[in-house]
Amino acid sequence: MRGLQSLTKDNCNKVKATVKEHAWYVVYDNINLAFRKHNQRTLNQDSFESGTTASVIMSKLSAELERDPDPLRHLCLEDLIPSRFDKCSIPVPTKKLLPVEKTVAYQLPVMKINQSSIAGNKEVLDAIMEYALELTQK
């Protein structure tokens, strides 16, 4: 058990140090578990637990730099009124291909927060920034 706690602390420290030096993204989702009882009584009833799990993904690329400020400038009348089915969509741009690189992701601790509302989403983001990553507001 001590080995597992040591690995967890080492991973948390590594994530905290890495997010201060590199670009990163966070993804999270809620986990809902229903616990059903075969024989329900007053003190033995079904329960429903909600929690949130999150991951930090490290990346050298920024999606903001690649965004086209005017995506409709690529659209022409032939795209709106197709004469054949093979011209039903805008062609995929091939100029800025993403380089192939290994994605580095770190799992954050599970939080007992119900993320199904706007207030819950704010609470999750605050918990990730303040407690899991220990980042201050700057």
N, C-alpha and C. Protein backbone atom coordinates (compact mmCIF):
# COMPACT_ATOMS: atom_id res chain seq x y z
N MET A 1 0.83 -1.19 0.00
CA MET A 1 0.00 0.00 0.00
C MET A 1 0.87 1.26 0.00
N ARG A 2 2.00 1.22 0.72
CA ARG A 2 2.89 2.38 0.75
C ARG A 2 3.49 2.65 -0.62
N GLY A 3 3.77 1.58 -1.37
CA GLY A 3 4.31 1.73 -2.72
C GLY A 3 3.33 2.45 -3.63
N LEU A 4 2.04 2.11 -3.52
CA LEU A 4 1.01 2.76 -4.32
C LEU A 4 0.87 4.24 -3.94
N GLN A 5 0.91 4.53 -2.65
CA GLN A 5 0.84 5.92 -2.20
C GLN A 5 2.05 6.71 -2.68
N SER A 6 3.21 6.09 -2.68
CA SER A 6 4.43 6.74 -3.15
C SER A 6 4.34 7.05 -4.63
N LEU A 7 3.83 6.10 -5.44
CA LEU A 7 3.65 6.32 -6.87
C LEU A 7 2.66 7.45 -7.13
N THR A 8 1.58 7.48 -6.35
CA THR A 8 0.57 8.52 -6.51
C THR A 8 1.14 9.89 -6.18
N LYS A 9 1.90 10.00 -5.10
CA LYS A 9 2.50 11.29 -4.74
C LYS A 9 3.52 11.72 -5.77
N ASP A 10 4.32 10.78 -6.27
CA ASP A 10 5.32 11.11 -7.29
C ASP A 10 4.64 11.62 -8.56
N ASN A 11 3.56 10.96 -8.98
CA ASN A 11 2.83 11.37 -10.17
C ASN A 11 2.23 12.76 -9.99
N CYS A 12 1.63 13.03 -8.83
CA CYS A 12 1.04 14.34 -8.55
C CYS A 12 2.10 15.43 -8.60
N ASN A 13 3.26 15.17 -8.01
CA ASN A 13 4.34 16.15 -8.03
C ASN A 13 4.86 16.39 -9.44
N LYS A 14 4.92 15.33 -10.24
CA LYS A 14 5.38 15.45 -11.63
C LYS A 14 4.40 16.29 -12.45
N VAL A 15 3.10 16.06 -12.27
CA VAL A 15 2.08 16.83 -12.98
C VAL A 15 2.16 18.30 -12.59
N LYS A 16 2.27 18.58 -11.31
CA LYS A 16 2.33 19.97 -10.83
C LYS A 16 3.52 20.71 -11.41
N ALA A 17 4.65 20.03 -11.53
CA ALA A 17 5.85 20.67 -12.09
C ALA A 17 5.73 20.85 -13.60
N THR A 18 5.13 19.88 -14.28
CA THR A 18 5.05 19.91 -15.74
C THR A 18 4.09 20.98 -16.23
N VAL A 19 2.94 21.18 -15.55
CA VAL A 19 1.96 22.17 -16.03
C VAL A 19 2.48 23.60 -15.90
N LYS A 20 3.48 23.81 -15.07
CA LYS A 20 4.05 25.15 -14.93
C LYS A 20 5.04 25.47 -16.04
N GLU A 21 5.48 24.44 -16.79
CA GLU A 21 6.50 24.64 -17.81
C GLU A 21 6.00 24.47 -19.24
N HIS A 22 4.94 23.68 -19.45
CA HIS A 22 4.49 23.34 -20.81
C HIS A 22 3.02 23.69 -20.99
N ALA A 23 2.61 23.76 -22.27
CA ALA A 23 1.20 23.96 -22.60
C ALA A 23 0.43 22.68 -22.27
N TRP A 24 -0.78 22.82 -21.78
CA TRP A 24 -1.56 21.66 -21.38
C TRP A 24 -3.05 21.92 -21.55
N TYR A 25 -3.79 20.83 -21.62
CA TYR A 25 -5.24 20.85 -21.70
C TYR A 25 -5.77 19.95 -20.59
N VAL A 26 -6.97 20.23 -20.13
CA VAL A 26 -7.59 19.36 -19.14
C VAL A 26 -8.92 18.86 -19.71
N VAL A 27 -9.18 17.59 -19.55
CA VAL A 27 -10.46 16.98 -19.93
C VAL A 27 -11.01 16.29 -18.69
N TYR A 28 -12.32 16.36 -18.53
CA TYR A 28 -12.94 15.71 -17.38
C TYR A 28 -14.35 15.27 -17.72
N ASP A 29 -14.83 14.30 -16.96
CA ASP A 29 -16.18 13.80 -17.15
C ASP A 29 -16.65 13.20 -15.84
N ASN A 30 -17.96 13.16 -15.69
CA ASN A 30 -18.49 12.60 -14.45
C ASN A 30 -18.72 11.09 -14.58
N ILE A 31 -18.64 10.43 -13.44
CA ILE A 31 -18.90 9.00 -13.34
C ILE A 31 -20.09 8.84 -12.42
N ASN A 32 -21.12 8.17 -12.89
CA ASN A 32 -22.31 7.95 -12.07
C ASN A 32 -22.45 6.45 -11.82
N LEU A 33 -22.49 6.08 -10.56
CA LEU A 33 -22.62 4.68 -10.18
C LEU A 33 -23.91 4.48 -9.39
N ALA A 34 -24.72 3.56 -9.84
CA ALA A 34 -25.95 3.22 -9.13
C ALA A 34 -25.71 1.95 -8.32
N PHE A 35 -25.93 2.02 -7.03
CA PHE A 35 -25.81 0.86 -6.15
C PHE A 35 -27.21 0.39 -5.80
N ARG A 36 -27.54 -0.81 -6.27
CA ARG A 36 -28.88 -1.35 -6.05
C ARG A 36 -28.84 -2.43 -4.98
N LYS A 37 -29.85 -2.42 -4.13
CA LYS A 37 -29.99 -3.41 -3.06
C LYS A 37 -31.07 -4.41 -3.46
N HIS A 38 -30.81 -5.66 -3.18
CA HIS A 38 -31.78 -6.70 -3.51
C HIS A 38 -33.00 -6.59 -2.59
N ASN A 39 -32.76 -6.44 -1.31
CA ASN A 39 -33.84 -6.30 -0.34
C ASN A 39 -33.78 -4.90 0.27
N GLN A 40 -34.71 -4.03 -0.13
CA GLN A 40 -34.70 -2.67 0.39
C GLN A 40 -35.48 -2.59 1.69
N ARG A 41 -34.85 -1.92 2.64
CA ARG A 41 -35.49 -1.63 3.92
C ARG A 41 -35.23 -0.17 4.22
N THR A 42 -35.68 0.31 5.34
CA THR A 42 -35.52 1.71 5.70
C THR A 42 -34.05 2.12 5.72
N LEU A 43 -33.19 1.29 6.27
CA LEU A 43 -31.77 1.62 6.37
C LEU A 43 -30.92 0.95 5.29
N ASN A 44 -31.56 0.27 4.36
CA ASN A 44 -30.83 -0.44 3.31
C ASN A 44 -31.50 -0.14 1.96
N GLN A 45 -31.24 1.07 1.43
CA GLN A 45 -31.90 1.49 0.20
C GLN A 45 -30.87 1.66 -0.92
N ASP A 46 -31.41 1.74 -2.15
CA ASP A 46 -30.54 2.01 -3.29
C ASP A 46 -29.86 3.37 -3.11
N SER A 47 -28.68 3.50 -3.68
CA SER A 47 -27.98 4.79 -3.63
C SER A 47 -27.36 5.09 -4.98
N PHE A 48 -27.04 6.33 -5.18
CA PHE A 48 -26.47 6.79 -6.45
C PHE A 48 -25.31 7.72 -6.12
N GLU A 49 -24.12 7.37 -6.58
CA GLU A 49 -22.93 8.16 -6.30
C GLU A 49 -22.43 8.81 -7.58
N SER A 50 -22.04 10.07 -7.48
CA SER A 50 -21.47 10.80 -8.61
C SER A 50 -20.07 11.25 -8.25
N GLY A 51 -19.18 11.16 -9.21
CA GLY A 51 -17.82 11.65 -9.03
C GLY A 51 -17.30 12.15 -10.36
N THR A 52 -16.16 12.79 -10.33
CA THR A 52 -15.57 13.35 -11.55
C THR A 52 -14.13 12.92 -11.64
N THR A 53 -13.73 12.48 -12.81
CA THR A 53 -12.34 12.13 -13.07
C THR A 53 -11.80 13.07 -14.13
N ALA A 54 -10.52 13.40 -14.03
CA ALA A 54 -9.92 14.36 -14.96
C ALA A 54 -8.54 13.89 -15.39
N SER A 55 -8.12 14.35 -16.55
CA SER A 55 -6.79 14.07 -17.07
C SER A 55 -6.18 15.37 -17.60
N VAL A 56 -4.88 15.51 -17.43
CA VAL A 56 -4.14 16.63 -17.99
C VAL A 56 -3.38 16.09 -19.19
N ILE A 57 -3.52 16.75 -20.34
CA ILE A 57 -2.87 16.33 -21.56
C ILE A 57 -1.85 17.39 -21.94
N MET A 58 -0.61 16.99 -22.09
CA MET A 58 0.47 17.90 -22.47
C MET A 58 0.53 18.00 -23.99
N SER A 59 0.76 19.21 -24.49
CA SER A 59 0.85 19.40 -25.94
C SER A 59 1.77 20.55 -26.26
N LYS A 60 2.49 20.42 -27.36
CA LYS A 60 3.34 21.50 -27.84
C LYS A 60 2.58 22.37 -28.83
N LEU A 61 1.40 21.92 -29.26
CA LEU A 61 0.61 22.64 -30.25
C LEU A 61 -0.50 23.42 -29.58
N SER A 62 -0.87 24.52 -30.19
CA SER A 62 -1.97 25.33 -29.70
C SER A 62 -3.03 25.41 -30.79
N ALA A 63 -4.24 25.06 -30.45
CA ALA A 63 -5.34 25.12 -31.41
C ALA A 63 -5.69 26.56 -31.76
N GLU A 64 -5.43 27.48 -30.87
CA GLU A 64 -5.77 28.88 -31.11
C GLU A 64 -4.98 29.46 -32.27
N LEU A 65 -3.74 29.05 -32.45
CA LEU A 65 -2.92 29.58 -33.53
C LEU A 65 -3.37 29.07 -34.90
N GLU A 66 -3.98 27.88 -34.93
CA GLU A 66 -4.36 27.25 -36.18
C GLU A 66 -5.76 27.64 -36.63
N ARG A 67 -6.53 28.33 -35.81
CA ARG A 67 -7.92 28.63 -36.12
C ARG A 67 -8.00 29.67 -37.24
N ASP A 68 -8.87 29.41 -38.20
CA ASP A 68 -9.08 30.33 -39.30
C ASP A 68 -10.08 31.39 -38.84
N PRO A 69 -9.74 32.68 -38.89
CA PRO A 69 -10.66 33.71 -38.41
C PRO A 69 -11.91 33.85 -39.27
N ASP A 70 -11.84 33.44 -40.53
CA ASP A 70 -12.98 33.57 -41.44
C ASP A 70 -13.16 32.26 -42.21
N PRO A 71 -13.81 31.25 -41.60
CA PRO A 71 -13.93 29.95 -42.28
C PRO A 71 -14.84 29.99 -43.51
N LEU A 72 -15.73 30.99 -43.59
CA LEU A 72 -16.65 31.06 -44.73
C LEU A 72 -15.97 31.54 -46.01
N ARG A 73 -14.76 32.07 -45.94
CA ARG A 73 -14.10 32.54 -47.15
C ARG A 73 -13.73 31.37 -48.07
N HIS A 74 -13.71 30.14 -47.55
CA HIS A 74 -13.43 28.96 -48.35
C HIS A 74 -14.69 28.43 -49.03
N LEU A 75 -15.84 28.97 -48.64
CA LEU A 75 -17.12 28.50 -49.14
C LEU A 75 -17.46 29.21 -50.45
N CYS A 76 -17.94 28.45 -51.42
CA CYS A 76 -18.35 29.06 -52.68
C CYS A 76 -19.75 28.54 -53.05
N LEU A 77 -20.34 29.13 -54.06
CA LEU A 77 -21.70 28.78 -54.44
C LEU A 77 -21.84 27.32 -54.86
N GLU A 78 -20.82 26.76 -55.48
CA GLU A 78 -20.87 25.36 -55.91
C GLU A 78 -20.99 24.42 -54.71
N ASP A 79 -20.45 24.82 -53.56
CA ASP A 79 -20.54 24.00 -52.36
C ASP A 79 -21.95 24.03 -51.77
N LEU A 80 -22.66 25.14 -51.97
CA LEU A 80 -24.02 25.26 -51.42
C LEU A 80 -25.07 24.57 -52.29
N ILE A 81 -24.85 24.57 -53.60
CA ILE A 81 -25.80 23.93 -54.52
C ILE A 81 -25.02 22.88 -55.31
N PRO A 82 -24.87 21.70 -54.76
CA PRO A 82 -24.07 20.69 -55.46
C PRO A 82 -24.82 20.10 -56.65
N SER A 83 -24.10 19.87 -57.73
CA SER A 83 -24.70 19.22 -58.88
C SER A 83 -24.44 17.71 -58.83
N ARG A 84 -23.40 17.31 -58.08
CA ARG A 84 -23.10 15.90 -57.91
C ARG A 84 -22.88 15.65 -56.42
N PHE A 85 -23.01 14.41 -56.01
CA PHE A 85 -22.88 14.08 -54.60
C PHE A 85 -21.45 14.12 -54.07
N ASP A 86 -20.46 14.02 -54.93
CA ASP A 86 -19.08 14.02 -54.46
C ASP A 86 -18.60 15.43 -54.08
N LYS A 87 -19.36 16.46 -54.39
CA LYS A 87 -18.99 17.83 -54.03
C LYS A 87 -19.92 18.37 -52.94
N CYS A 88 -20.36 17.53 -52.04
CA CYS A 88 -21.32 17.95 -51.02
C CYS A 88 -20.68 18.67 -49.84
N SER A 89 -19.39 18.63 -49.71
CA SER A 89 -18.77 19.29 -48.57
C SER A 89 -17.53 20.06 -49.00
N ILE A 90 -17.08 20.90 -48.10
CA ILE A 90 -15.88 21.69 -48.35
C ILE A 90 -14.68 20.75 -48.28
N PRO A 91 -13.72 20.85 -49.20
CA PRO A 91 -12.56 19.97 -49.14
C PRO A 91 -11.75 20.19 -47.86
N VAL A 92 -11.15 19.13 -47.39
CA VAL A 92 -10.35 19.19 -46.17
C VAL A 92 -9.02 19.87 -46.48
N PRO A 93 -8.66 20.92 -45.71
CA PRO A 93 -7.38 21.57 -45.96
C PRO A 93 -6.22 20.65 -45.59
N THR A 94 -5.18 20.65 -46.39
CA THR A 94 -4.04 19.78 -46.15
C THR A 94 -2.75 20.55 -45.96
N LYS A 95 -2.81 21.86 -45.88
CA LYS A 95 -1.60 22.66 -45.77
C LYS A 95 -0.93 22.53 -44.41
N LYS A 96 -1.71 22.52 -43.34
CA LYS A 96 -1.15 22.52 -41.99
C LYS A 96 -1.41 21.18 -41.31
N LEU A 97 -0.69 20.17 -41.72
CA LEU A 97 -0.84 18.86 -41.10
C LEU A 97 -0.18 18.85 -39.73
N LEU A 98 -0.78 18.18 -38.79
CA LEU A 98 -0.22 18.08 -37.45
C LEU A 98 0.93 17.08 -37.45
N PRO A 99 2.01 17.41 -36.78
CA PRO A 99 3.10 16.44 -36.69
C PRO A 99 2.71 15.27 -35.80
N VAL A 100 3.26 14.12 -36.10
CA VAL A 100 2.98 12.94 -35.30
C VAL A 100 3.89 12.96 -34.08
N GLU A 101 3.29 12.96 -32.91
CA GLU A 101 4.06 12.93 -31.67
C GLU A 101 3.28 12.18 -30.60
N LYS A 102 3.98 11.68 -29.65
CA LYS A 102 3.37 10.92 -28.57
C LYS A 102 2.62 11.87 -27.64
N THR A 103 1.39 11.52 -27.30
CA THR A 103 0.60 12.31 -26.38
C THR A 103 0.93 11.89 -24.95
N VAL A 104 1.22 12.87 -24.12
CA VAL A 104 1.52 12.60 -22.72
C VAL A 104 0.31 13.04 -21.91
N ALA A 105 -0.27 12.12 -21.17
CA ALA A 105 -1.45 12.42 -20.36
C ALA A 105 -1.23 11.94 -18.93
N TYR A 106 -1.70 12.73 -17.99
CA TYR A 106 -1.60 12.39 -16.56
C TYR A 106 -2.99 12.34 -15.98
N GLN A 107 -3.27 11.29 -15.26
CA GLN A 107 -4.56 11.14 -14.58
C GLN A 107 -4.54 11.92 -13.27
N LEU A 108 -5.57 12.72 -13.02
CA LEU A 108 -5.69 13.44 -11.76
C LEU A 108 -6.55 12.63 -10.79
N PRO A 109 -6.47 12.92 -9.50
CA PRO A 109 -7.29 12.18 -8.54
C PRO A 109 -8.78 12.37 -8.79
N VAL A 110 -9.56 11.36 -8.45
CA VAL A 110 -11.01 11.43 -8.61
C VAL A 110 -11.57 12.39 -7.57
N MET A 111 -12.53 13.22 -8.01
CA MET A 111 -13.15 14.21 -7.12
C MET A 111 -14.61 13.84 -6.91
N LYS A 112 -15.08 13.97 -5.70
CA LYS A 112 -16.49 13.67 -5.42
C LYS A 112 -17.31 14.94 -5.62
N ILE A 113 -17.43 15.31 -6.90
CA ILE A 113 -18.16 16.51 -7.29
C ILE A 113 -19.11 16.12 -8.41
N ASN A 114 -20.37 16.51 -8.28
CA ASN A 114 -21.35 16.25 -9.33
C ASN A 114 -21.23 17.36 -10.37
N GLN A 115 -20.78 17.03 -11.55
CA GLN A 115 -20.44 18.00 -12.58
C GLN A 115 -21.60 18.22 -13.54
N SER A 116 -22.81 17.88 -13.17
CA SER A 116 -23.94 17.93 -14.11
C SER A 116 -24.62 19.29 -14.18
N SER A 117 -24.08 20.32 -13.54
CA SER A 117 -24.65 21.66 -13.60
C SER A 117 -23.53 22.67 -13.88
N ILE A 118 -23.93 23.91 -14.12
CA ILE A 118 -22.92 24.96 -14.35
C ILE A 118 -22.10 25.17 -13.09
N ALA A 119 -22.76 25.19 -11.94
CA ALA A 119 -22.04 25.35 -10.68
C ALA A 119 -21.11 24.17 -10.42
N GLY A 120 -21.54 22.97 -10.80
CA GLY A 120 -20.69 21.79 -10.65
C GLY A 120 -19.46 21.85 -11.55
N ASN A 121 -19.63 22.34 -12.79
CA ASN A 121 -18.49 22.50 -13.69
C ASN A 121 -17.49 23.51 -13.14
N LYS A 122 -18.00 24.61 -12.59
CA LYS A 122 -17.12 25.62 -12.00
C LYS A 122 -16.37 25.04 -10.81
N GLU A 123 -17.07 24.25 -10.00
CA GLU A 123 -16.44 23.62 -8.84
C GLU A 123 -15.34 22.63 -9.26
N VAL A 124 -15.59 21.89 -10.34
CA VAL A 124 -14.59 20.95 -10.85
C VAL A 124 -13.35 21.69 -11.32
N LEU A 125 -13.54 22.74 -12.11
CA LEU A 125 -12.39 23.51 -12.62
C LEU A 125 -11.62 24.17 -11.48
N ASP A 126 -12.33 24.70 -10.49
CA ASP A 126 -11.65 25.28 -9.32
C ASP A 126 -10.85 24.23 -8.57
N ALA A 127 -11.42 23.05 -8.39
CA ALA A 127 -10.73 21.97 -7.69
C ALA A 127 -9.48 21.52 -8.45
N ILE A 128 -9.59 21.44 -9.77
CA ILE A 128 -8.43 21.03 -10.57
C ILE A 128 -7.32 22.07 -10.45
N MET A 129 -7.68 23.34 -10.61
CA MET A 129 -6.67 24.40 -10.58
C MET A 129 -6.05 24.59 -9.20
N GLU A 130 -6.89 24.61 -8.15
CA GLU A 130 -6.40 24.94 -6.82
C GLU A 130 -5.82 23.74 -6.06
N TYR A 131 -6.50 22.61 -6.11
CA TYR A 131 -6.09 21.49 -5.26
C TYR A 131 -5.23 20.46 -6.01
N ALA A 132 -5.69 20.07 -7.20
CA ALA A 132 -4.94 19.02 -7.91
C ALA A 132 -3.63 19.54 -8.50
N LEU A 133 -3.67 20.74 -9.12
CA LEU A 133 -2.48 21.27 -9.76
C LEU A 133 -1.78 22.36 -8.95
N GLU A 134 -2.44 22.85 -7.92
CA GLU A 134 -1.90 23.89 -7.03
C GLU A 134 -1.41 25.11 -7.81
N LEU A 135 -2.25 25.57 -8.74
CA LEU A 135 -1.94 26.77 -9.51
C LEU A 135 -2.64 27.96 -8.90
N THR A 136 -1.96 29.09 -8.82
CA THR A 136 -2.57 30.30 -8.27
C THR A 136 -3.12 31.14 -9.41
N GLN A 137 -4.07 32.00 -9.09
CA GLN A 137 -4.64 32.87 -10.11
C GLN A 137 -3.69 34.02 -10.36
N LYS A 138 -3.25 34.16 -11.63
CA LYS A 138 -2.35 35.24 -12.02
C LYS A 138 -2.94 36.00 -13.16
